[in-house]
Amino acid sequence: MQIIIETKGLKELRKLLDDDLYIREWKAGMVNFTEMSEMAARAEAPRLTGRLAASIKGGVSRKPFPTWARLRVGARNRGFPYPRLLAFSRRHGHRDWLLRAVRGNIDHL
């Protein structure tokens, strides 16, 4: 089943999805999106030791109507968050690795 909704904000979306049936579907879609993005990010993560891929954790708001989903990348090297360096540095050749991984799953939301 596919539902296409165009809204101008979260409040309007919440009103449109007020029925419990749609709220369950929305939450399931958010969880599915997060899980797929987590797997894609782990696959796309640059590998040397594997710590970067192992540090990727997904999460969805615990509210009945989740308003956010996140991927947390917690790897550090000598205290420095090197996923940030890899994602934004032009010099290291992995620019936007996390963005590319997540962008492929937006259609599944």
Protein backbone atom coordinates (compact mmCIF):
# COMPACT_ATOMS: atom_id res chain seq x y z
CA MET A 1 0.00 0.00 0.00
CA GLN A 2 1.34 3.42 -0.89
CA ILE A 3 0.03 6.70 0.43
CA ILE A 4 1.20 10.00 -1.04
CA ILE A 5 0.58 13.07 1.12
CA GLU A 6 1.76 16.62 0.51
CA THR A 7 1.81 18.88 3.56
CA LYS A 8 3.24 22.22 4.60
CA GLY A 9 4.40 21.16 8.05
CA LEU A 10 4.47 18.54 10.75
CA LYS A 11 1.29 19.79 12.44
CA GLU A 12 -0.65 19.44 9.20
CA LEU A 13 0.78 15.95 8.65
CA ARG A 14 -0.20 14.95 12.19
CA LYS A 15 -3.78 16.08 11.54
CA LEU A 16 -3.94 14.11 8.29
CA LEU A 17 -2.58 10.96 9.94
CA ASP A 18 -4.76 11.22 13.05
CA ASP A 19 -6.28 7.77 12.53
CA ASP A 20 -4.47 5.03 14.52
CA LEU A 21 -4.17 2.88 11.41
CA TYR A 22 -2.08 5.52 9.64
CA ILE A 23 -0.02 6.29 12.73
CA ARG A 24 1.06 2.62 12.97
CA GLU A 25 1.97 2.64 9.29
CA TRP A 26 3.91 5.90 9.72
CA LYS A 27 5.88 4.51 12.66
CA ALA A 28 6.57 1.25 10.82
CA GLY A 29 7.82 3.25 7.84
CA MET A 30 10.12 5.34 10.02
CA VAL A 31 11.54 2.22 11.71
CA ASN A 32 12.00 0.51 8.33
CA PHE A 33 13.72 3.59 6.90
CA THR A 34 16.08 3.76 9.87
CA GLU A 35 16.96 0.06 9.72
CA MET A 36 17.60 0.17 5.96
CA SER A 37 19.67 3.35 6.30
CA GLU A 38 21.69 1.79 9.12
CA MET A 39 22.50 -1.26 6.98
CA ALA A 40 23.34 0.92 3.96
CA ALA A 41 25.57 3.19 6.06
CA ARG A 42 27.44 0.19 7.46
CA ALA A 43 27.97 -1.14 3.95
CA GLU A 44 29.10 2.26 2.63
CA ALA A 45 31.39 3.09 5.59
CA PRO A 46 35.09 3.21 4.75
CA ARG A 47 36.78 0.16 6.26
CA LEU A 48 40.18 -0.16 7.79
CA THR A 49 39.50 -1.60 11.23
CA GLY A 50 35.69 -1.90 11.06
CA ARG A 51 35.16 0.31 14.09
CA LEU A 52 33.35 2.95 12.04
CA ALA A 53 30.77 0.50 10.68
CA ALA A 54 30.32 -1.11 14.10
CA SER A 55 29.62 2.28 15.71
CA ILE A 56 26.60 3.09 13.49
CA LYS A 57 23.33 2.88 15.43
CA GLY A 58 19.85 3.88 14.28
CA GLY A 59 16.99 5.24 16.35
CA VAL A 60 13.43 6.50 16.01
CA SER A 61 11.44 8.77 18.32
CA ARG A 62 9.61 6.70 20.96
CA LYS A 63 6.46 8.78 20.70
CA PRO A 64 3.34 7.16 19.21
CA PHE A 65 3.78 9.50 16.23
CA PRO A 66 7.56 9.61 15.66
CA THR A 67 8.78 12.95 14.36
CA TRP A 68 12.44 12.06 13.87
CA ALA A 69 14.77 9.24 12.94
CA ARG A 70 18.53 9.32 13.42
CA LEU A 71 21.75 7.52 12.67
CA ARG A 72 24.40 7.95 15.30
CA VAL A 73 27.99 7.35 14.26
CA GLY A 74 30.07 7.21 17.41
CA ALA A 75 33.53 6.13 16.25
CA ARG A 76 36.43 8.18 17.58
CA ASN A 77 40.14 8.12 16.94
CA ARG A 78 42.34 9.66 19.63
CA GLY A 79 39.31 11.57 20.89
CA PHE A 80 38.46 13.05 17.49
CA PRO A 81 35.14 12.11 15.80
CA TYR A 82 36.64 10.85 12.55
CA PRO A 83 33.30 10.08 10.82
CA ARG A 84 32.86 13.85 10.61
CA LEU A 85 36.30 14.19 9.05
CA LEU A 86 35.55 11.52 6.46
CA ALA A 87 32.11 12.92 5.64
CA PHE A 88 33.21 16.52 5.06
CA SER A 89 36.87 16.40 4.06
CA ARG A 90 37.70 16.59 0.36
CA ARG A 91 41.19 15.34 1.06
CA HIS A 92 40.36 11.85 2.31
CA GLY A 93 38.26 10.66 -0.65
CA HIS A 94 35.15 9.62 1.31
CA ARG A 95 33.21 12.88 1.16
CA ASP A 96 29.44 12.43 1.73
CA TRP A 97 29.67 8.66 2.36
CA LEU A 98 26.89 8.79 4.96
CA LEU A 99 24.67 11.07 2.87
CA ARG A 100 24.94 8.73 -0.13
CA ALA A 101 23.99 5.75 2.02
CA VAL A 102 20.89 7.42 3.49
CA ARG A 103 19.76 9.15 0.29
CA GLY A 104 19.17 5.79 -1.38
CA ASN A 105 16.55 4.88 1.24
CA ILE A 106 14.42 8.03 1.21
CA ASP A 107 12.00 6.44 -1.27
CA HIS A 108 11.22 3.77 1.34
CA LEU A 109 9.96 6.29 3.88
